[in-house]
Amino acid sequence: MRALCWQGVNRLGVEDVAEPQILNDGDAIVEVGLSTTCGSDLHLIGGYIPAMRSGDVLGHEFMGTIVEVGPGVRTHKVGDRVVVSSFVSCGRCWYCQQGLFSLCDDGNPNPAITEALWGYAPGGCLGYSHAMGGYAGCHAAYVRVPYADVGAFAIPDGVDDESALFASDSAPTGWTAVDQSGVGPGDVVAVWGAGAVGQMTARAAMLRGAERVIVIDRLPERLAQVTDVIGAETIDAEKGEVARELRDRTGGRGPDVCIDAVGMEPHPAGVMGAVDMVKQQLRLQTDRPGVLREVVHGCRKGGRVFILGVYVGWVDGFPAGALMNKGLTVQGAQMHGARYIPEVLRRLEDGSLTTRHLATHRMSLEDAPLGYELFKSKADGCVRAVFSPSGALL
């Protein structure tokens, strides 16, 4: 079958690879209907995530149709149209029983790598390096889904394929941040990043009762989507100091909850941003903390900070003094897909959530390298490129 493969730092190609097989009783094989780019994939492509090997199949956000199930699968059958969580979770361990599915003890068969990096191993993730399990990704004709009863969800008849696609990762990632940070009625929430995850985070906050939601970005086409589709306020990061603007809009107090939906490769801003870039390229730090600094400085005293964008290692220039003296509470997480995907699908079905606008570019799987080039460079207003192995979108 054809699949998009990592061939080295900043090199991608569509290759012939072996079709996946059932390996365990709980596996399912899914014929991919649609898959999409994700900002966290760019960290893999750029060589910032360890343990990539040439020929690894990329992609972790997708929907499709089940074509084969293992003998232990109980809730799905051949022919089911499903959306699949990017994180691999067993559903049985202590963490899964607490609803912390991305921290699953059994989802990552290569725990030693991340134990060395972080002290503990999180769950596995499809198409996200051998550090996160070495699973083949979804930019392919078919994909093996481990623990299918836990990670695959039937798509309601009233939800089309393209809308359901973003229930795989983008939307439940936003739901994770909003729920875990305790957003509720009366809160003012600021979200850094107006990509798919940032927009879904903003919409989740609104649906959970936030009084105001403000999204920060530098790209006008994304800010326009936030205004026109999501219905949140916006701040153009290119026009003045973000923290000051947030204080001005909140009577001098600042937001109650500040969420970083950008991660380790923010657009460099000012002298500190340029220094961050140099340090990262020289491997003096693994991640660039520009957005983290803004989040900490922008949050009100006693507020909550949530780190949602992907970080892999360590940073310099983190404002620990501001964090401590302002009395901030800090949390972070990869997305707990199996916990939040059912609500996302219900919201898509009842119309309170829309996602199709995120798919700004539609193309065949054979054109996936071009799709990632457009996505990485933010060219032609690209928010997300969506790939169809069958060419059905074309």
Protein backbone atom coordinates (compact mmCIF):
# COMPACT_ATOMS: atom_id res chain seq x y z
CA MET A 1 0.00 0.00 0.00
CA ARG A 2 1.01 3.65 -0.33
CA ALA A 3 1.97 5.68 2.72
CA LEU A 4 3.63 8.98 3.63
CA CYS A 5 7.00 8.22 5.21
CA TRP A 6 9.63 10.17 7.11
CA GLN A 7 12.87 9.88 5.13
CA GLY A 8 15.07 12.13 7.24
CA VAL A 9 15.01 15.65 8.69
CA ASN A 10 12.68 17.77 6.53
CA ARG A 11 12.38 14.99 3.94
CA LEU A 12 9.09 13.22 3.23
CA GLY A 13 8.05 10.79 0.51
CA VAL A 14 5.12 8.58 -0.45
CA GLU A 15 6.34 4.98 -0.58
CA ASP A 16 5.08 1.43 -0.96
CA VAL A 17 4.92 -0.24 2.46
CA ALA A 18 3.50 -3.51 3.77
CA GLU A 19 -0.18 -3.54 4.72
CA PRO A 20 -0.84 -3.82 8.46
CA GLN A 21 -1.89 -7.11 10.02
CA ILE A 22 -3.84 -8.09 13.13
CA LEU A 23 -1.21 -8.70 15.83
CA ASN A 24 -3.32 -8.87 19.02
CA ASP A 25 -6.87 -9.96 19.81
CA GLY A 26 -8.03 -6.39 20.41
CA ASP A 27 -6.71 -4.97 17.14
CA ALA A 28 -8.74 -3.64 14.24
CA ILE A 29 -7.60 -2.75 10.74
CA VAL A 30 -9.10 0.48 9.46
CA GLU A 31 -9.23 1.58 5.84
CA VAL A 32 -8.35 5.26 6.07
CA GLY A 33 -10.98 7.55 4.63
CA LEU A 34 -9.37 10.87 5.52
CA SER A 35 -6.30 11.95 7.45
CA THR A 36 -4.91 15.39 8.22
CA THR A 37 -1.74 17.25 9.08
CA CYS A 38 -1.12 18.34 12.66
CA GLY A 39 1.26 20.91 14.10
CA SER A 40 2.87 18.32 16.34
CA ASP A 41 3.90 16.39 13.19
CA LEU A 42 6.16 19.31 12.29
CA HIS A 43 8.32 18.55 15.33
CA LEU A 44 8.88 15.05 13.94
CA ILE A 45 9.60 16.29 10.44
CA GLY A 46 12.08 18.86 11.72
CA GLY A 47 14.00 16.30 13.77
CA TYR A 48 13.11 17.67 17.21
CA ILE A 49 11.42 14.48 18.44
CA PRO A 50 13.85 11.61 19.13
CA ALA A 51 13.68 8.05 17.85
CA MET A 52 12.46 8.58 14.28
CA ARG A 53 13.65 6.09 11.68
CA SER A 54 13.70 6.41 7.91
CA GLY A 55 10.58 4.77 6.50
CA ASP A 56 8.34 5.48 9.53
CA VAL A 57 4.75 6.14 8.45
CA LEU A 58 3.50 9.51 9.70
CA GLY A 59 0.07 10.76 10.78
CA HIS A 60 -2.15 10.40 13.84
CA GLU A 61 -5.46 12.17 13.08
CA PHE A 62 -7.89 10.23 10.90
CA MET A 63 -11.21 8.51 10.31
CA GLY A 64 -12.12 5.50 8.23
CA THR A 65 -13.94 2.18 7.95
CA ILE A 66 -13.14 -1.03 9.83
CA VAL A 67 -12.22 -3.83 7.43
CA GLU A 68 -10.96 -6.47 9.91
CA VAL A 69 -11.21 -7.08 13.65
CA GLY A 70 -9.34 -9.33 16.05
CA PRO A 71 -11.22 -12.05 17.95
CA GLY A 72 -11.21 -9.96 21.15
CA VAL A 73 -12.97 -6.91 19.70
CA ARG A 74 -16.46 -6.61 21.19
CA THR A 75 -17.89 -3.18 20.31
CA HIS A 76 -16.99 -2.87 16.63
CA LYS A 77 -17.55 -4.88 13.47
CA VAL A 78 -16.42 -4.84 9.86
CA GLY A 79 -18.06 -1.94 8.02
CA ASP A 80 -18.26 0.44 10.98
CA ARG A 81 -17.35 4.03 10.16
CA VAL A 82 -15.09 5.20 12.99
CA VAL A 83 -12.92 8.00 14.25
CA VAL A 84 -9.81 6.87 16.13
CA SER A 85 -8.00 8.49 19.04
CA SER A 86 -4.40 9.31 18.25
CA PHE A 87 -3.28 8.02 21.66
CA VAL A 88 -3.14 4.28 22.26
CA SER A 89 -4.72 3.31 25.58
CA CYS A 90 -5.54 -0.08 27.07
CA GLY A 91 -8.59 1.02 29.04
CA ARG A 92 -7.69 -1.24 31.97
CA CYS A 93 -4.67 0.21 33.79
CA TRP A 94 -4.94 2.58 36.77
CA TYR A 95 -4.43 5.69 34.63
CA CYS A 96 -7.08 4.69 32.09
CA GLN A 97 -9.49 3.96 34.93
CA GLN A 98 -8.95 7.57 36.12
CA GLY A 99 -9.73 8.87 32.63
CA LEU A 100 -6.09 9.82 32.03
CA PHE A 101 -5.86 7.85 28.81
CA SER A 102 -2.73 9.48 27.37
CA LEU A 103 -0.84 8.32 30.47
CA CYS A 104 -1.73 4.65 29.91
CA ASP A 105 0.79 2.21 31.40
CA ASP A 106 0.33 -0.33 28.60
CA GLY A 107 -0.11 1.75 25.43
CA ASN A 108 3.59 2.31 24.77
CA PRO A 109 5.62 -0.84 24.05
CA ASN A 110 8.88 1.17 24.06
CA PRO A 111 8.75 2.84 27.50
CA ALA A 112 12.50 3.07 28.11
CA ILE A 113 13.02 6.05 25.80
CA THR A 114 10.50 8.34 27.44
CA GLU A 115 11.34 7.03 30.92
CA ALA A 116 14.87 8.31 30.31
CA LEU A 117 13.55 11.67 29.09
CA TRP A 118 10.74 12.31 31.56
CA GLY A 119 11.05 9.79 34.38
CA TYR A 120 7.88 7.95 33.36
CA ALA A 121 6.47 6.72 30.06
CA PRO A 122 3.12 8.06 28.81
CA GLY A 123 0.89 6.04 26.52
CA GLY A 124 1.69 5.39 22.89
CA CYS A 125 0.68 7.54 19.94
CA LEU A 126 0.03 6.46 16.38
CA GLY A 127 2.63 7.64 13.90
CA TYR A 128 4.65 9.52 16.49
CA SER A 129 8.15 8.04 16.66
CA HIS A 130 9.53 4.96 18.38
CA ALA A 131 9.66 6.92 21.64
CA MET A 132 5.85 6.86 21.60
CA GLY A 133 5.49 3.21 20.66
CA GLY A 134 6.76 2.90 17.11
CA TYR A 135 3.24 2.55 15.70
CA ALA A 136 2.72 3.11 11.99
CA GLY A 137 0.71 6.24 11.32
CA CYS A 138 -2.47 7.00 9.41
CA HIS A 139 -1.20 8.75 6.28
CA ALA A 140 -1.69 5.45 4.51
CA ALA A 141 -4.35 3.31 2.89
CA TYR A 142 -4.76 1.17 6.04
CA VAL A 143 -3.73 1.41 9.70
CA ARG A 144 -3.67 -1.03 12.61
CA VAL A 145 -5.60 0.23 15.63
CA PRO A 146 -4.58 -1.45 18.93
CA TYR A 147 -7.19 -1.70 21.71
CA ALA A 148 -9.91 -0.87 19.19
CA ASP A 149 -12.70 -1.14 21.76
CA VAL A 150 -11.05 1.72 23.69
CA GLY A 151 -9.70 3.99 20.96
CA ALA A 152 -12.17 3.71 18.06
CA PHE A 153 -15.58 5.40 18.12
CA ALA A 154 -18.54 4.93 15.80
CA ILE A 155 -19.38 8.10 13.89
CA PRO A 156 -23.06 9.12 14.12
CA ASP A 157 -24.94 8.91 10.83
CA GLY A 158 -25.58 12.65 10.86
CA VAL A 159 -21.87 13.57 10.99
CA ASP A 160 -20.00 13.65 7.67
CA ASP A 161 -16.50 12.27 7.22
CA GLU A 162 -14.72 15.62 7.04
CA SER A 163 -16.34 16.90 10.23
CA ALA A 164 -15.65 13.65 12.07
CA LEU A 165 -11.99 13.74 11.05
CA PHE A 166 -11.18 16.46 13.58
CA ALA A 167 -12.82 14.50 16.41
CA SER A 168 -9.78 12.21 16.23
CA ASP A 169 -7.30 14.63 17.79
CA SER A 170 -7.81 18.40 17.37
CA ALA A 171 -11.13 18.73 19.16
CA PRO A 172 -10.50 16.29 22.04
CA THR A 173 -7.14 17.96 22.59
CA GLY A 174 -8.95 21.25 23.15
CA TRP A 175 -11.50 19.54 25.40
CA THR A 176 -8.66 18.08 27.46
CA ALA A 177 -7.19 21.50 28.24
CA VAL A 178 -10.52 23.13 29.04
CA ASP A 179 -11.77 20.35 31.29
CA GLN A 180 -8.49 19.64 33.07
CA SER A 181 -7.91 23.36 33.79
CA GLY A 182 -11.39 23.65 35.27
CA VAL A 183 -12.81 26.27 32.91
CA GLY A 184 -16.32 27.18 33.99
CA PRO A 185 -18.97 29.92 34.06
CA GLY A 186 -17.57 33.39 34.54
CA ASP A 187 -14.01 32.58 33.50
CA VAL A 188 -12.03 34.69 31.06
CA VAL A 189 -9.90 32.32 28.96
CA ALA A 190 -6.96 33.25 26.71
CA VAL A 191 -5.74 30.75 24.12
CA TRP A 192 -2.41 31.19 22.33
CA GLY A 193 -2.65 29.73 18.81
CA ALA A 194 -5.49 29.91 16.28
CA GLY A 195 -4.74 26.69 14.46
CA ALA A 196 -7.12 23.75 14.62
CA VAL A 197 -6.27 22.88 18.23
CA GLY A 198 -6.46 26.49 19.40
CA GLN A 199 -9.82 26.99 17.72
CA MET A 200 -11.20 23.79 19.20
CA THR A 201 -9.90 24.83 22.63
CA ALA A 202 -11.67 28.17 22.31
CA ARG A 203 -14.94 26.54 21.29
CA ALA A 204 -14.72 24.02 24.13
CA ALA A 205 -14.23 26.87 26.61
CA MET A 206 -17.29 28.63 25.25
CA LEU A 207 -19.40 25.48 25.46
CA ARG A 208 -18.21 24.93 29.05
CA GLY A 209 -19.57 28.35 30.03
CA ALA A 210 -16.58 30.71 29.88
CA GLU A 211 -17.70 34.33 30.02
CA ARG A 212 -15.11 35.47 27.48
CA VAL A 213 -12.61 33.66 25.26
CA ILE A 214 -9.72 35.49 23.59
CA VAL A 215 -7.49 33.82 20.98
CA ILE A 216 -4.00 35.13 20.14
CA ASP A 217 -2.26 34.55 16.81
CA ARG A 218 -0.35 36.41 14.11
CA LEU A 219 -2.04 35.01 10.99
CA PRO A 220 -5.05 37.05 9.81
CA GLU A 221 -6.80 34.17 8.03
CA ARG A 222 -6.80 32.09 11.21
CA LEU A 223 -7.96 34.99 13.35
CA ALA A 224 -10.78 35.50 10.85
CA GLN A 225 -11.89 31.90 11.34
CA VAL A 226 -11.93 32.44 15.10
CA THR A 227 -14.16 35.47 14.69
CA ASP A 228 -16.45 34.16 11.96
CA VAL A 229 -16.81 30.47 12.89
CA ILE A 230 -15.83 30.02 16.53
CA GLY A 231 -17.25 33.33 17.76
CA ALA A 232 -14.40 34.22 20.13
CA GLU A 233 -12.45 37.46 20.52
CA THR A 234 -9.01 37.80 18.95
CA ILE A 235 -5.69 39.55 19.46
CA ASP A 236 -3.21 39.99 16.62
CA ALA A 237 0.15 39.14 18.19
CA GLU A 238 1.94 41.28 15.61
CA LYS A 239 0.28 44.45 16.92
CA GLY A 240 1.66 45.34 20.31
CA GLU A 241 2.30 43.57 23.60
CA VAL A 242 -0.11 40.69 24.18
CA ALA A 243 0.02 40.73 28.00
CA ARG A 244 -0.77 44.44 28.08
CA GLU A 245 -3.68 44.01 25.68
CA LEU A 246 -5.07 41.21 27.84
CA ARG A 247 -4.90 43.40 30.93
CA ASP A 248 -6.58 46.25 29.09
CA ARG A 249 -9.45 43.98 28.05
CA THR A 250 -9.96 42.59 31.54
CA GLY A 251 -9.95 45.72 33.66
CA GLY A 252 -6.29 45.36 34.53
CA ARG A 253 -6.64 41.90 36.08
CA GLY A 254 -5.79 39.47 33.26
CA PRO A 255 -7.37 36.17 32.17
CA ASP A 256 -8.34 33.50 34.70
CA VAL A 257 -7.05 30.68 32.48
CA CYS A 258 -4.24 30.91 29.90
CA ILE A 259 -3.68 28.01 27.50
CA ASP A 260 -0.60 27.42 25.32
CA ALA A 261 -1.89 25.70 22.17
CA VAL A 262 1.31 26.43 20.20
CA GLY A 263 4.10 24.33 21.69
CA MET A 264 7.82 24.06 21.16
CA GLU A 265 8.25 25.90 17.84
CA PRO A 266 6.53 29.29 18.13
CA HIS A 267 7.22 32.05 15.63
CA PRO A 268 10.26 33.89 17.05
CA ALA A 269 9.30 37.31 18.42
CA GLY A 270 11.82 40.00 19.39
CA VAL A 271 15.32 39.50 20.71
CA MET A 272 14.35 36.68 23.10
CA GLY A 273 12.66 34.83 20.26
CA ALA A 274 15.78 35.07 18.14
CA VAL A 275 17.91 33.84 21.05
CA ASP A 276 15.52 30.92 21.56
CA MET A 277 15.89 29.96 17.90
CA VAL A 278 19.69 30.01 18.03
CA LYS A 279 19.77 27.94 21.24
CA GLN A 280 17.41 25.36 19.76
CA GLN A 281 19.41 25.04 16.55
CA LEU A 282 22.61 24.63 18.56
CA ARG A 283 20.82 22.04 20.74
CA LEU A 284 21.44 24.12 23.86
CA GLN A 285 17.73 23.67 24.51
CA THR A 286 15.24 21.34 22.86
CA ASP A 287 12.22 23.68 22.81
CA ARG A 288 11.51 27.38 22.30
CA PRO A 289 9.61 28.88 25.28
CA GLY A 290 8.40 32.14 23.72
CA VAL A 291 4.70 31.39 24.12
CA LEU A 292 5.22 29.91 27.59
CA ARG A 293 6.72 33.20 28.70
CA GLU A 294 3.75 35.14 27.32
CA VAL A 295 1.28 32.76 28.96
CA VAL A 296 2.88 33.10 32.39
CA HIS A 297 3.19 36.88 32.15
CA GLY A 298 -0.31 37.30 30.71
CA CYS A 299 -2.20 35.26 33.31
CA ARG A 300 -3.79 37.01 36.27
CA LYS A 301 -2.44 36.53 39.80
CA GLY A 302 -3.67 33.23 41.19
CA GLY A 303 -4.72 32.10 37.72
CA ARG A 304 -4.32 28.78 35.90
CA VAL A 305 -1.88 28.00 33.10
CA PHE A 306 -2.34 24.97 30.88
CA ILE A 307 0.41 23.69 28.55
CA LEU A 308 -1.32 21.96 25.65
CA GLY A 309 1.16 22.41 22.80
CA VAL A 310 3.80 19.69 22.50
CA TYR A 311 7.14 20.11 24.30
CA VAL A 312 9.81 17.44 24.33
CA GLY A 313 12.61 18.37 26.70
CA TRP A 314 13.91 21.52 28.36
CA VAL A 315 13.98 25.28 27.89
CA ASP A 316 16.02 28.25 29.09
CA GLY A 317 14.57 31.61 30.00
CA PHE A 318 11.44 30.25 31.69
CA PRO A 319 9.95 32.87 34.07
CA ALA A 320 9.97 30.82 37.26
CA GLY A 321 9.90 33.95 39.39
CA ALA A 322 6.69 35.20 37.80
CA LEU A 323 5.15 31.76 38.12
CA MET A 324 5.91 31.50 41.83
CA ASN A 325 5.26 35.09 42.90
CA LYS A 326 1.97 35.33 40.98
CA GLY A 327 0.74 32.13 42.63
CA LEU A 328 -0.08 30.40 39.34
CA THR A 329 -1.29 26.82 39.00
CA VAL A 330 0.33 25.00 36.07
CA GLN A 331 -0.95 21.88 34.34
CA GLY A 332 -0.25 20.12 31.08
CA ALA A 333 -1.34 17.03 29.20
CA GLN A 334 -1.45 15.16 25.97
CA MET A 335 -5.05 14.61 24.98
CA HIS A 336 -7.21 12.02 26.71
CA GLY A 337 -8.99 10.96 23.55
CA ALA A 338 -11.11 8.13 24.87
CA ARG A 339 -12.48 10.46 27.55
CA TYR A 340 -13.55 13.36 25.33
CA ILE A 341 -14.21 12.02 21.81
CA PRO A 342 -17.77 10.87 22.67
CA GLU A 343 -18.73 14.42 23.75
CA VAL A 344 -17.08 15.89 20.65
CA LEU A 345 -19.10 13.58 18.39
CA ARG A 346 -22.31 14.54 20.22
CA ARG A 347 -21.48 18.23 19.75
CA LEU A 348 -20.87 17.67 16.04
CA GLU A 349 -24.17 15.84 15.75
CA ASP A 350 -26.22 18.52 17.51
CA GLY A 351 -24.52 21.36 15.62
CA SER A 352 -22.97 23.15 18.60
CA LEU A 353 -19.50 22.38 17.20
CA THR A 354 -18.31 22.73 13.62
CA THR A 355 -14.96 21.60 12.24
CA ARG A 356 -15.16 21.44 8.43
CA HIS A 357 -13.78 24.96 8.03
CA LEU A 358 -10.43 23.70 9.33
CA ALA A 359 -9.90 21.67 6.14
CA THR A 360 -8.60 24.47 3.94
CA HIS A 361 -6.69 22.23 1.51
CA ARG A 362 -7.87 18.86 0.18
CA MET A 363 -5.60 16.58 -1.80
CA SER A 364 -4.68 12.99 -2.55
CA LEU A 365 -2.28 11.03 -0.38
CA GLU A 366 0.24 11.14 -3.22
CA ASP A 367 0.39 14.92 -2.76
CA ALA A 368 0.94 14.71 1.02
CA PRO A 369 4.53 16.08 0.88
CA LEU A 370 3.16 19.21 -0.79
CA GLY A 371 0.39 19.37 1.80
CA TYR A 372 2.93 19.38 4.62
CA GLU A 373 5.01 22.01 2.84
CA LEU A 374 1.96 24.30 2.62
CA PHE A 375 1.03 23.54 6.21
CA LYS A 376 4.51 24.16 7.61
CA SER A 377 4.98 27.44 5.75
CA LYS A 378 1.38 28.56 6.42
CA ALA A 379 1.23 29.28 2.67
CA ASP A 380 -1.99 29.95 0.78
CA GLY A 381 -3.92 30.34 4.04
CA CYS A 382 -3.39 26.68 4.96
CA VAL A 383 -4.89 25.76 8.34
CA ARG A 384 -5.04 22.02 7.72
CA ALA A 385 -4.31 19.87 4.68
CA VAL A 386 -6.58 16.81 4.42
CA PHE A 387 -5.50 13.71 2.52
CA SER A 388 -7.65 11.08 0.86
CA PRO A 389 -5.96 7.75 0.03
CA SER A 390 -8.81 6.88 -2.34
CA GLY A 391 -8.99 10.33 -3.94
CA ALA A 392 -12.63 10.66 -2.88
CA LEU A 393 -12.24 14.37 -2.02
CA LEU A 394 -10.94 15.28 -5.48
